[in-house]
Amino acid sequence: MLKMKRSNHAATLRAAGWGMVILCLLGAGGCGSKGPVYAEDHQRFLRIDTAIEALRRAYVERDLDGFRDQLLPTDKVDRLERDVALDLQTFKHISLDITVERIMIDKDLIEVYMHWQGQWRREADDAPIRDRGHGRLQFVGTQTVLLESADGTLPFGISGRSVPQPASPPGPGG
């Protein structure tokens, strides 16, 4: 089982990209070695990072088909897909940042532990709904990485749990 943990400097690591981080962890690139020691693992980490970013980007860009393309068609992700569809119908503007805390790989099973924060707006001039949380994304695959299940407090499905109702006008004497 391979484990990878990002430091608390996730924004810096995201800016540098997983590639350099993985190269350093595997003893390559500008870290004093001639090349990746575990080139297959390096490529797999890149595919995992690409899958996570594709999910985030499809969600933020309100691309339901693009989001579905990242899912393994199983009953486990049907609810997630419905929740995302409702979010995309509810909100016109979505902003989401995902920070990977840890990746664990056991054969073709991949577990990604993440933190996230986001903002959702029905219209551009509406006050945003802000939320954050952490969860686990479970992917499968080696050459193609697809989301098999997800749990925890996830950003997907925010419309079902955080949509504020309009304030009712004060009653008499209130």
Protein backbone atom coordinates (compact mmCIF):
# COMPACT_ATOMS: atom_id res chain seq x y z
CA MET A 1 0.00 0.00 0.00
CA LEU A 2 1.36 3.39 -1.02
CA LYS A 3 0.64 6.43 1.11
CA MET A 4 1.10 10.06 0.24
CA LYS A 5 0.43 12.98 2.51
CA ARG A 6 0.50 16.63 1.63
CA SER A 7 1.87 19.08 4.11
CA ASN A 8 -0.05 22.01 5.52
CA HIS A 9 1.31 24.05 2.65
CA ALA A 10 -1.27 22.57 0.27
CA ALA A 11 -1.81 25.80 -1.66
CA THR A 12 1.89 26.01 -2.44
CA LEU A 13 1.98 22.36 -3.43
CA ARG A 14 -1.09 22.81 -5.65
CA ALA A 15 0.58 25.78 -7.31
CA ALA A 16 3.72 23.72 -7.91
CA GLY A 17 1.58 20.80 -9.04
CA TRP A 18 1.53 17.21 -7.93
CA GLY A 19 4.16 16.41 -10.54
CA MET A 20 7.04 18.11 -8.74
CA VAL A 21 5.87 16.83 -5.36
CA ILE A 22 5.71 13.27 -6.65
CA LEU A 23 9.05 13.60 -8.40
CA CYS A 24 10.66 14.74 -5.14
CA LEU A 25 8.99 11.95 -3.17
CA LEU A 26 10.15 9.40 -5.69
CA GLY A 27 13.66 10.83 -5.78
CA ALA A 28 13.62 12.52 -9.16
CA GLY A 29 13.58 15.81 -11.00
CA GLY A 30 15.23 18.76 -9.28
CA CYS A 31 15.55 16.76 -6.07
CA GLY A 32 18.99 15.35 -6.84
CA SER A 33 18.24 12.26 -8.94
CA LYS A 34 18.28 11.42 -12.63
CA GLY A 35 14.66 10.27 -13.01
CA PRO A 36 11.65 8.79 -11.26
CA VAL A 37 12.53 5.64 -9.40
CA TYR A 38 8.94 4.42 -9.62
CA ALA A 39 7.74 5.79 -12.96
CA GLU A 40 4.51 3.74 -12.97
CA ASP A 41 3.56 5.03 -9.51
CA HIS A 42 4.37 8.56 -10.61
CA GLN A 43 2.06 8.24 -13.61
CA ARG A 44 -0.69 6.77 -11.44
CA PHE A 45 -0.51 9.67 -8.97
CA LEU A 46 -0.80 12.05 -11.91
CA ARG A 47 -3.91 10.19 -13.15
CA ILE A 48 -5.44 10.40 -9.65
CA ASP A 49 -4.75 14.13 -9.46
CA THR A 50 -6.24 14.58 -12.92
CA ALA A 51 -9.40 12.68 -11.88
CA ILE A 52 -9.85 14.83 -8.76
CA GLU A 53 -9.34 18.03 -10.74
CA ALA A 54 -11.74 16.83 -13.47
CA LEU A 55 -14.46 16.26 -10.83
CA ARG A 56 -13.87 19.70 -9.32
CA ARG A 57 -13.73 21.48 -12.67
CA ALA A 58 -16.88 19.78 -14.03
CA TYR A 59 -18.75 20.72 -10.86
CA VAL A 60 -17.58 24.36 -10.85
CA GLU A 61 -18.24 24.72 -14.58
CA ARG A 62 -21.68 23.15 -14.06
CA ASP A 63 -20.92 20.33 -16.53
CA LEU A 64 -23.03 17.37 -15.41
CA ASP A 65 -21.92 15.18 -18.32
CA GLY A 66 -18.28 15.93 -17.51
CA PHE A 67 -18.93 15.02 -13.88
CA ARG A 68 -20.65 11.76 -14.91
CA ASP A 69 -17.63 10.89 -17.07
CA GLN A 70 -15.56 10.63 -13.86
CA LEU A 71 -17.95 8.18 -12.17
CA LEU A 72 -17.94 4.41 -12.19
CA PRO A 73 -21.56 3.54 -13.05
CA THR A 74 -22.67 1.90 -9.79
CA ASP A 75 -25.48 2.29 -7.28
CA LYS A 76 -22.96 3.83 -4.86
CA VAL A 77 -22.62 7.00 -6.93
CA ASP A 78 -26.23 7.33 -8.11
CA ARG A 79 -27.14 9.55 -5.15
CA LEU A 80 -23.99 11.63 -5.62
CA GLU A 81 -24.94 12.16 -9.26
CA ARG A 82 -28.48 13.23 -8.28
CA ASP A 83 -27.10 15.61 -5.63
CA VAL A 84 -24.74 17.20 -8.15
CA ALA A 85 -27.56 17.57 -10.69
CA LEU A 86 -29.67 19.38 -8.07
CA ASP A 87 -26.75 21.67 -7.16
CA LEU A 88 -26.23 22.56 -10.81
CA GLN A 89 -29.95 23.36 -11.20
CA THR A 90 -29.97 25.43 -8.00
CA PHE A 91 -26.79 27.47 -8.32
CA LYS A 92 -25.49 29.50 -11.25
CA HIS A 93 -22.14 30.30 -9.62
CA ILE A 94 -20.01 27.72 -7.80
CA SER A 95 -16.51 28.16 -6.42
CA LEU A 96 -14.75 25.13 -4.92
CA ASP A 97 -11.25 24.47 -3.63
CA ILE A 98 -10.15 20.92 -2.84
CA THR A 99 -7.02 20.10 -0.88
CA VAL A 100 -5.83 16.52 -0.81
CA GLU A 101 -4.68 15.45 2.63
CA ARG A 102 -3.71 11.87 1.88
CA ILE A 103 -3.87 9.28 -0.89
CA MET A 104 -3.80 5.58 -0.06
CA ILE A 105 -3.46 2.96 -2.80
CA ASP A 106 -4.00 -0.76 -2.41
CA LYS A 107 -3.85 -2.51 -5.81
CA ASP A 108 -6.65 -0.91 -7.87
CA LEU A 109 -8.41 0.70 -4.87
CA ILE A 110 -7.58 4.37 -4.26
CA GLU A 111 -8.73 6.34 -1.23
CA VAL A 112 -8.37 10.11 -1.30
CA TYR A 113 -8.89 12.03 1.94
CA MET A 114 -9.59 15.67 1.27
CA HIS A 115 -10.57 19.02 2.73
CA TRP A 116 -12.68 21.43 0.74
CA GLN A 117 -14.24 24.86 0.93
CA GLY A 118 -16.64 26.52 -1.43
CA GLN A 119 -19.18 29.21 -2.21
CA TRP A 120 -22.49 28.81 -3.99
CA ARG A 121 -24.69 31.59 -5.41
CA ARG A 122 -28.05 31.39 -7.13
CA GLU A 123 -27.36 34.69 -8.91
CA ALA A 124 -24.17 36.73 -9.22
CA ASP A 125 -25.43 39.42 -6.85
CA ASP A 126 -26.80 37.04 -4.18
CA ALA A 127 -25.02 36.56 -0.88
CA PRO A 128 -22.99 33.35 -1.13
CA ILE A 129 -23.60 30.19 0.80
CA ARG A 130 -20.21 29.26 2.24
CA ASP A 131 -19.31 25.86 3.55
CA ARG A 132 -16.33 23.62 4.15
CA GLY A 133 -15.70 20.09 5.21
CA HIS A 134 -13.73 16.95 4.61
CA GLY A 135 -14.48 13.60 3.10
CA ARG A 136 -13.19 10.51 1.39
CA LEU A 137 -13.35 9.80 -2.30
CA GLN A 138 -12.85 6.19 -3.31
CA PHE A 139 -11.58 5.65 -6.83
CA VAL A 140 -10.80 2.44 -8.68
CA GLY A 141 -8.49 1.77 -11.57
CA THR A 142 -4.91 1.87 -12.63
CA GLN A 143 -4.86 3.25 -16.18
CA THR A 144 -8.32 4.84 -15.94
CA VAL A 145 -9.29 6.26 -12.55
CA LEU A 146 -13.03 6.54 -11.82
CA LEU A 147 -14.92 7.52 -8.67
CA GLU A 148 -16.61 4.48 -7.11
CA SER A 149 -17.96 5.98 -3.88
CA ALA A 150 -17.71 8.99 -1.60
CA ASP A 151 -18.49 9.71 2.03
CA GLY A 152 -18.01 12.33 4.69
CA THR A 153 -19.07 15.94 4.45
CA LEU A 154 -18.75 16.56 0.73
CA PRO A 155 -19.35 19.72 -1.30
CA PHE A 156 -21.54 17.81 -3.74
CA GLY A 157 -25.17 18.04 -2.68
CA ILE A 158 -24.91 21.34 -0.83
CA SER A 159 -28.33 22.40 -2.13
CA GLY A 160 -29.99 19.64 -0.14
CA ARG A 161 -28.50 20.70 3.17
CA SER A 162 -27.57 24.39 3.15
CA VAL A 163 -29.98 26.32 0.98
CA PRO A 164 -31.27 29.08 3.21
CA GLN A 165 -34.98 29.77 3.08
CA PRO A 166 -36.04 33.37 2.59
CA ALA A 167 -36.61 35.12 5.88
CA SER A 168 -40.25 35.48 6.69
CA PRO A 169 -41.40 38.99 7.46
CA PRO A 170 -41.73 39.81 11.12
CA GLY A 171 -45.14 39.15 12.55
CA PRO A 172 -47.25 41.67 14.43
CA GLY A 173 -45.40 43.05 17.39
CA GLY A 174 -42.06 41.59 16.18
